[in-house]
Amino acid sequence: MKCLCRRLIATFCASKVGFLLICGLPFSPAETSGQALQPPPPPPALPDEILRTRPPGPPPAPPDESALREQMQLLDQFLQLPPEKLARMRQTIEMIERMEEEERELLRIRIRQFTEMTPELRSELRQMGEALPMSSRQVFGQYWLSLNESQREDWRSRLKDLNAADRAEKLRPAIEEFEAHLTQIFTEMRRRSTSTGAARPPPSSATGSR
């Protein structure tokens, strides 16, 4: 019987509850304060100034060094021009900005007729288009001027071993396609010009309203 009592006492002392009772310690921290544990208070609200302020965006990408150098060189050229030439350039730039893409394409062809129509190119056009109908030769010249140098070189390599009739037959689909493209451009330009003119008041009514 004594052995059994010793075992029960030893077991009780070894347990957590027995240890706390023997030492006179409370079972939980709530017993020391006499009140239940409370959740922590919420964090304070942010001021309205911070809430209304948008976070800064990512820093801008650094400018391209080559583009910046080109811009500086262009600016240096402009600074050397007299005011009257700058005024003409501004008028030209404003005119180009108002152009549609079709008008720009036609203007590029007309400019190349003056800048690229060398005697060698005239001779080449006569030789390559000698078998074409007269009605197609002018279109062929415009088509040839609309190409860049690599495209012309590609055509030269394809036509160099052909006779005049075969060259004309080889060029015919490209000329017809380009002629249809020009017709579409002129049609669109006339349509746009007509719609713009219809939207404007006639000169007489505009004069009378003043």
C-alpha atoms as a PDB file:
ATOM      1  CA  MET A   1       0.000   0.000   0.000  1.00  0.00           C
ATOM      2  CA  LYS A   2       2.813   2.393   0.814  1.00  0.00           C
ATOM      3  CA  CYS A   3       4.465   1.585  -2.529  1.00  0.00           C
ATOM      4  CA  LEU A   4       1.261   2.407  -4.361  1.00  0.00           C
ATOM      5  CA  CYS A   5       0.938   5.757  -2.553  1.00  0.00           C
ATOM      6  CA  ARG A   6       4.528   6.661  -3.372  1.00  0.00           C
ATOM      7  CA  ARG A   7       3.892   5.903  -7.055  1.00  0.00           C
ATOM      8  CA  LEU A   8       0.767   8.081  -7.141  1.00  0.00           C
ATOM      9  CA  ILE A   9       2.599  10.956  -5.454  1.00  0.00           C
ATOM     10  CA  ALA A  10       5.540  10.624  -7.847  1.00  0.00           C
ATOM     11  CA  THR A  11       3.231  10.582 -10.860  1.00  0.00           C
ATOM     12  CA  PHE A  12       1.298  13.620  -9.613  1.00  0.00           C
ATOM     13  CA  CYS A  13       4.486  15.610  -9.014  1.00  0.00           C
ATOM     14  CA  ALA A  14       5.823  14.701 -12.444  1.00  0.00           C
ATOM     15  CA  SER A  15       2.716  16.007 -14.176  1.00  0.00           C
ATOM     16  CA  LYS A  16       2.483  19.690 -15.252  1.00  0.00           C
ATOM     17  CA  VAL A  17      -0.569  20.392 -13.108  1.00  0.00           C
ATOM     18  CA  GLY A  18       1.043  18.879 -10.040  1.00  0.00           C
ATOM     19  CA  PHE A  19       4.219  20.830 -10.619  1.00  0.00           C
ATOM     20  CA  LEU A  20       2.273  24.116 -10.875  1.00  0.00           C
ATOM     21  CA  LEU A  21       0.216  23.378  -7.769  1.00  0.00           C
ATOM     22  CA  ILE A  22       3.311  22.510  -5.754  1.00  0.00           C
ATOM     23  CA  CYS A  23       5.120  25.660  -6.888  1.00  0.00           C
ATOM     24  CA  GLY A  24       2.015  27.809  -6.392  1.00  0.00           C
ATOM     25  CA  LEU A  25       2.089  29.055 -10.016  1.00  0.00           C
ATOM     26  CA  PRO A  26      -1.085  29.924 -11.973  1.00  0.00           C
ATOM     27  CA  PHE A  27      -2.257  27.616 -14.770  1.00  0.00           C
ATOM     28  CA  SER A  28      -2.356  30.413 -17.391  1.00  0.00           C
ATOM     29  CA  PRO A  29      -1.294  34.111 -17.749  1.00  0.00           C
ATOM     30  CA  ALA A  30      -4.967  35.110 -17.541  1.00  0.00           C
ATOM     31  CA  GLU A  31      -5.017  34.087 -13.895  1.00  0.00           C
ATOM     32  CA  THR A  32      -2.353  36.659 -13.011  1.00  0.00           C
ATOM     33  CA  SER A  33      -4.243  39.593 -14.521  1.00  0.00           C
ATOM     34  CA  GLY A  34      -7.683  38.438 -13.556  1.00  0.00           C
ATOM     35  CA  GLN A  35      -9.047  39.052 -17.133  1.00  0.00           C
ATOM     36  CA  ALA A  36      -9.148  37.139 -20.391  1.00  0.00           C
ATOM     37  CA  LEU A  37      -6.564  37.748 -23.101  1.00  0.00           C
ATOM     38  CA  GLN A  38      -7.564  40.453 -25.636  1.00  0.00           C
ATOM     39  CA  PRO A  39      -6.561  40.505 -29.336  1.00  0.00           C
ATOM     40  CA  PRO A  40      -3.956  43.118 -30.273  1.00  0.00           C
ATOM     41  CA  PRO A  41      -5.346  46.484 -31.422  1.00  0.00           C
ATOM     42  CA  PRO A  42      -5.574  47.073 -35.196  1.00  0.00           C
ATOM     43  CA  PRO A  43      -2.831  49.121 -36.823  1.00  0.00           C
ATOM     44  CA  PRO A  44      -3.553  52.832 -37.172  1.00  0.00           C
ATOM     45  CA  ALA A  45      -5.158  53.974 -40.446  1.00  0.00           C
ATOM     46  CA  LEU A  46      -2.967  55.717 -43.003  1.00  0.00           C
ATOM     47  CA  PRO A  47      -3.520  59.452 -43.534  1.00  0.00           C
ATOM     48  CA  ASP A  48      -5.687  60.517 -46.474  1.00  0.00           C
ATOM     49  CA  GLU A  49      -2.714  62.270 -48.080  1.00  0.00           C
ATOM     50  CA  ILE A  50      -0.880  58.984 -48.374  1.00  0.00           C
ATOM     51  CA  LEU A  51      -3.959  57.111 -49.564  1.00  0.00           C
ATOM     52  CA  ARG A  52      -4.618  59.674 -52.303  1.00  0.00           C
ATOM     53  CA  THR A  53      -1.013  59.761 -53.467  1.00  0.00           C
ATOM     54  CA  ARG A  54      -0.279  57.336 -56.276  1.00  0.00           C
ATOM     55  CA  PRO A  55       2.924  55.359 -55.919  1.00  0.00           C
ATOM     56  CA  PRO A  56       5.710  56.495 -58.211  1.00  0.00           C
ATOM     57  CA  GLY A  57       6.002  54.622 -61.484  1.00  0.00           C
ATOM     58  CA  PRO A  58       9.090  52.835 -62.726  1.00  0.00           C
ATOM     59  CA  PRO A  59      11.945  55.061 -63.844  1.00  0.00           C
ATOM     60  CA  PRO A  60      11.978  55.848 -67.575  1.00  0.00           C
ATOM     61  CA  ALA A  61      14.213  53.839 -69.822  1.00  0.00           C
ATOM     62  CA  PRO A  62      17.495  55.541 -70.663  1.00  0.00           C
ATOM     63  CA  PRO A  63      17.456  57.199 -74.132  1.00  0.00           C
ATOM     64  CA  ASP A  64      19.092  55.452 -77.025  1.00  0.00           C
ATOM     65  CA  GLU A  65      22.563  56.901 -77.378  1.00  0.00           C
ATOM     66  CA  SER A  66      22.601  56.735 -81.178  1.00  0.00           C
ATOM     67  CA  ALA A  67      19.149  58.364 -81.460  1.00  0.00           C
ATOM     68  CA  LEU A  68      20.179  61.091 -79.007  1.00  0.00           C
ATOM     69  CA  ARG A  69      23.364  61.765 -80.974  1.00  0.00           C
ATOM     70  CA  GLU A  70      21.378  61.974 -84.218  1.00  0.00           C
ATOM     71  CA  GLN A  71      18.933  64.404 -82.620  1.00  0.00           C
ATOM     72  CA  MET A  72      21.759  66.590 -81.376  1.00  0.00           C
ATOM     73  CA  GLN A  73      23.373  66.632 -84.826  1.00  0.00           C
ATOM     74  CA  LEU A  74      20.064  67.600 -86.420  1.00  0.00           C
ATOM     75  CA  LEU A  75      19.576  70.351 -83.853  1.00  0.00           C
ATOM     76  CA  ASP A  76      23.064  71.653 -84.571  1.00  0.00           C
ATOM     77  CA  GLN A  77      22.219  71.842 -88.293  1.00  0.00           C
ATOM     78  CA  PHE A  78      18.999  73.725 -87.559  1.00  0.00           C
ATOM     79  CA  LEU A  79      20.862  76.243 -85.414  1.00  0.00           C
ATOM     80  CA  GLN A  80      23.080  77.111 -88.369  1.00  0.00           C
ATOM     81  CA  LEU A  81      20.150  77.868 -90.722  1.00  0.00           C
ATOM     82  CA  PRO A  82      18.832  81.409 -91.276  1.00  0.00           C
ATOM     83  CA  PRO A  83      15.282  82.183 -90.045  1.00  0.00           C
ATOM     84  CA  GLU A  84      13.755  82.337 -93.547  1.00  0.00           C
ATOM     85  CA  LYS A  85      14.994  78.840 -94.374  1.00  0.00           C
ATOM     86  CA  LEU A  86      13.706  77.509 -91.063  1.00  0.00           C
ATOM     87  CA  ALA A  87      10.299  79.023 -91.898  1.00  0.00           C
ATOM     88  CA  ARG A  88      10.251  77.240 -95.281  1.00  0.00           C
ATOM     89  CA  MET A  89      11.216  73.976 -93.616  1.00  0.00           C
ATOM     90  CA  ARG A  90       8.439  74.378 -91.047  1.00  0.00           C
ATOM     91  CA  GLN A  91       5.892  74.941 -93.830  1.00  0.00           C
ATOM     92  CA  THR A  92       7.145  71.849 -95.653  1.00  0.00           C
ATOM     93  CA  ILE A  93       6.974  69.706 -92.514  1.00  0.00           C
ATOM     94  CA  GLU A  94       3.436  70.901 -91.762  1.00  0.00           C
ATOM     95  CA  MET A  95       2.405  70.102 -95.343  1.00  0.00           C
ATOM     96  CA  ILE A  96       3.819  66.569 -95.063  1.00  0.00           C
ATOM     97  CA  GLU A  97       2.089  66.032 -91.708  1.00  0.00           C
ATOM     98  CA  ARG A  98      -1.270  66.845 -93.326  1.00  0.00           C
ATOM     99  CA  MET A  99      -0.684  64.393 -96.181  1.00  0.00           C
ATOM    100  CA  GLU A 100      -2.274  60.983 -96.338  1.00  0.00           C
ATOM    101  CA  GLU A 101      -0.065  57.960 -96.936  1.00  0.00           C
ATOM    102  CA  GLU A 102      -1.172  57.737-100.593  1.00  0.00           C
ATOM    103  CA  GLU A 103      -0.143  61.348-101.218  1.00  0.00           C
ATOM    104  CA  ARG A 104       3.226  60.727 -99.603  1.00  0.00           C
ATOM    105  CA  GLU A 105       3.837  57.728-101.852  1.00  0.00           C
ATOM    106  CA  LEU A 106       3.110  59.727-104.991  1.00  0.00           C
ATOM    107  CA  LEU A 107       5.306  62.566-103.771  1.00  0.00           C
ATOM    108  CA  ARG A 108       8.183  60.140-103.162  1.00  0.00           C
ATOM    109  CA  ILE A 109       7.910  58.898-106.761  1.00  0.00           C
ATOM    110  CA  ARG A 110       7.906  62.443-108.146  1.00  0.00           C
ATOM    111  CA  ILE A 111      10.911  63.405-106.032  1.00  0.00           C
ATOM    112  CA  ARG A 112      12.845  60.379-107.265  1.00  0.00           C
ATOM    113  CA  GLN A 113      12.133  61.428-110.850  1.00  0.00           C
ATOM    114  CA  PHE A 114      14.334  64.450-110.148  1.00  0.00           C
ATOM    115  CA  THR A 115      16.896  62.989-107.743  1.00  0.00           C
ATOM    116  CA  GLU A 116      17.485  59.515-109.219  1.00  0.00           C
ATOM    117  CA  MET A 117      16.734  59.926-112.914  1.00  0.00           C
ATOM    118  CA  THR A 118      20.345  59.836-114.076  1.00  0.00           C
ATOM    119  CA  PRO A 119      21.306  59.270-117.716  1.00  0.00           C
ATOM    120  CA  GLU A 120      22.243  55.699-116.834  1.00  0.00           C
ATOM    121  CA  LEU A 121      18.807  55.078-115.321  1.00  0.00           C
ATOM    122  CA  ARG A 122      17.050  56.587-118.347  1.00  0.00           C
ATOM    123  CA  SER A 123      19.033  54.294-120.619  1.00  0.00           C
ATOM    124  CA  GLU A 124      18.167  51.293-118.444  1.00  0.00           C
ATOM    125  CA  LEU A 125      14.464  52.140-118.512  1.00  0.00           C
ATOM    126  CA  ARG A 126      14.491  52.448-122.307  1.00  0.00           C
ATOM    127  CA  GLN A 127      16.290  49.130-122.684  1.00  0.00           C
ATOM    128  CA  MET A 128      14.140  47.201-120.214  1.00  0.00           C
ATOM    129  CA  GLY A 129      10.848  48.654-121.456  1.00  0.00           C
ATOM    130  CA  GLU A 130      11.503  48.737-125.196  1.00  0.00           C
ATOM    131  CA  ALA A 131       9.032  45.889-125.830  1.00  0.00           C
ATOM    132  CA  LEU A 132       6.348  47.331-123.597  1.00  0.00           C
ATOM    133  CA  PRO A 133       3.337  49.165-125.062  1.00  0.00           C
ATOM    134  CA  MET A 134       3.640  52.929-125.030  1.00  0.00           C
ATOM    135  CA  SER A 135       0.797  53.154-122.525  1.00  0.00           C
ATOM    136  CA  SER A 136       2.742  50.978-120.080  1.00  0.00           C
ATOM    137  CA  ARG A 137       6.162  52.619-120.339  1.00  0.00           C
ATOM    138  CA  GLN A 138       5.319  55.608-118.163  1.00  0.00           C
ATOM    139  CA  VAL A 139       3.772  53.334-115.525  1.00  0.00           C
ATOM    140  CA  PHE A 140       6.842  51.149-115.702  1.00  0.00           C
ATOM    141  CA  GLY A 141       9.071  54.160-115.070  1.00  0.00           C
ATOM    142  CA  GLN A 142       7.008  55.121-112.016  1.00  0.00           C
ATOM    143  CA  TYR A 143       7.063  51.542-110.772  1.00  0.00           C
ATOM    144  CA  TRP A 144      10.843  51.357-111.191  1.00  0.00           C
ATOM    145  CA  LEU A 145      11.314  54.595-109.254  1.00  0.00           C
ATOM    146  CA  SER A 146       9.076  53.337-106.433  1.00  0.00           C
ATOM    147  CA  LEU A 147      11.507  50.461-105.782  1.00  0.00           C
ATOM    148  CA  ASN A 148      14.595  50.699-103.630  1.00  0.00           C
ATOM    149  CA  GLU A 149      17.994  49.759-104.973  1.00  0.00           C
ATOM    150  CA  SER A 150      17.959  46.186-103.641  1.00  0.00           C
ATOM    151  CA  GLN A 151      14.578  45.547-105.308  1.00  0.00           C
ATOM    152  CA  ARG A 152      15.871  46.932-108.607  1.00  0.00           C
ATOM    153  CA  GLU A 153      18.956  44.759-108.347  1.00  0.00           C
ATOM    154  CA  ASP A 154      16.728  41.725-107.844  1.00  0.00           C
ATOM    155  CA  TRP A 155      14.824  42.600-111.013  1.00  0.00           C
ATOM    156  CA  ARG A 156      18.075  43.106-112.940  1.00  0.00           C
ATOM    157  CA  SER A 157      19.278  39.635-112.002  1.00  0.00           C
ATOM    158  CA  ARG A 158      15.985  38.106-113.174  1.00  0.00           C
ATOM    159  CA  LEU A 159      15.877  40.002-116.487  1.00  0.00           C
ATOM    160  CA  LYS A 160      19.512  40.118-117.575  1.00  0.00           C
ATOM    161  CA  ASP A 161      19.430  36.898-119.645  1.00  0.00           C
ATOM    162  CA  LEU A 162      16.036  37.518-121.298  1.00  0.00           C
ATOM    163  CA  ASN A 163      15.293  39.121-124.650  1.00  0.00           C
ATOM    164  CA  ALA A 164      13.087  42.203-124.960  1.00  0.00           C
ATOM    165  CA  ALA A 165       9.827  40.279-125.454  1.00  0.00           C
ATOM    166  CA  ASP A 166      10.479  37.972-122.508  1.00  0.00           C
ATOM    167  CA  ARG A 167      11.450  40.934-120.312  1.00  0.00           C
ATOM    168  CA  ALA A 168       8.196  42.648-121.181  1.00  0.00           C
ATOM    169  CA  GLU A 169       6.223  39.500-120.384  1.00  0.00           C
ATOM    170  CA  LYS A 170       8.070  39.107-117.096  1.00  0.00           C
ATOM    171  CA  LEU A 171       7.410  42.711-116.096  1.00  0.00           C
ATOM    172  CA  ARG A 172       3.778  42.831-117.220  1.00  0.00           C
ATOM    173  CA  PRO A 173       2.162  41.411-114.000  1.00  0.00           C
ATOM    174  CA  ALA A 174       4.142  43.773-111.763  1.00  0.00           C
ATOM    175  CA  ILE A 175       3.308  46.777-113.971  1.00  0.00           C
ATOM    176  CA  GLU A 176      -0.411  45.914-114.040  1.00  0.00           C
ATOM    177  CA  GLU A 177      -0.481  45.473-110.269  1.00  0.00           C
ATOM    178  CA  PHE A 178       1.278  48.804-109.756  1.00  0.00           C
ATOM    179  CA  GLU A 179      -1.075  50.550-112.190  1.00  0.00           C
ATOM    180  CA  ALA A 180      -4.085  49.197-110.284  1.00  0.00           C
ATOM    181  CA  HIS A 181      -2.461  50.433-107.079  1.00  0.00           C
ATOM    182  CA  LEU A 182      -2.047  53.924-108.549  1.00  0.00           C
ATOM    183  CA  THR A 183      -5.661  53.927-109.713  1.00  0.00           C
ATOM    184  CA  GLN A 184      -6.787  53.035-106.216  1.00  0.00           C
ATOM    185  CA  ILE A 185      -4.678  55.843-104.772  1.00  0.00           C
ATOM    186  CA  PHE A 186      -6.127  58.442-107.160  1.00  0.00           C
ATOM    187  CA  THR A 187      -9.665  57.201-106.524  1.00  0.00           C
ATOM    188  CA  GLU A 188      -9.203  57.493-102.776  1.00  0.00           C
ATOM    189  CA  MET A 189      -7.691  60.958-103.126  1.00  0.00           C
ATOM    190  CA  ARG A 190     -10.596  62.151-105.301  1.00  0.00           C
ATOM    191  CA  ARG A 191     -13.118  60.686-102.858  1.00  0.00           C
ATOM    192  CA  ARG A 192     -11.438  62.381 -99.915  1.00  0.00           C
ATOM    193  CA  SER A 193     -11.190  65.674-101.806  1.00  0.00           C
ATOM    194  CA  THR A 194     -14.881  65.515-102.749  1.00  0.00           C
ATOM    195  CA  SER A 195     -16.001  64.763 -99.196  1.00  0.00           C
ATOM    196  CA  THR A 196     -13.815  67.552 -97.832  1.00  0.00           C
ATOM    197  CA  GLY A 197     -15.136  70.025-100.396  1.00  0.00           C
ATOM    198  CA  ALA A 198     -18.724  69.075 -99.614  1.00  0.00           C
ATOM    199  CA  ALA A 199     -18.148  69.753 -95.935  1.00  0.00           C
ATOM    200  CA  ARG A 200     -16.861  73.268 -96.628  1.00  0.00           C
ATOM    201  CA  PRO A 201     -19.347  76.126 -97.202  1.00  0.00           C
ATOM    202  CA  PRO A 202     -19.334  77.714-100.671  1.00  0.00           C
ATOM    203  CA  PRO A 203     -17.324  80.947-100.997  1.00  0.00           C
ATOM    204  CA  SER A 204     -20.436  83.101-101.583  1.00  0.00           C
ATOM    205  CA  SER A 205     -22.143  82.018 -98.348  1.00  0.00           C
ATOM    206  CA  ALA A 206     -18.916  82.401 -96.425  1.00  0.00           C
ATOM    207  CA  THR A 207     -18.506  85.923 -97.749  1.00  0.00           C
ATOM    208  CA  GLY A 208     -22.085  86.872 -97.012  1.00  0.00           C
ATOM    209  CA  SER A 209     -21.898  85.680 -93.434  1.00  0.00           C
ATOM    210  CA  ARG A 210     -19.125  88.100 -92.575  1.00  0.00           C
END
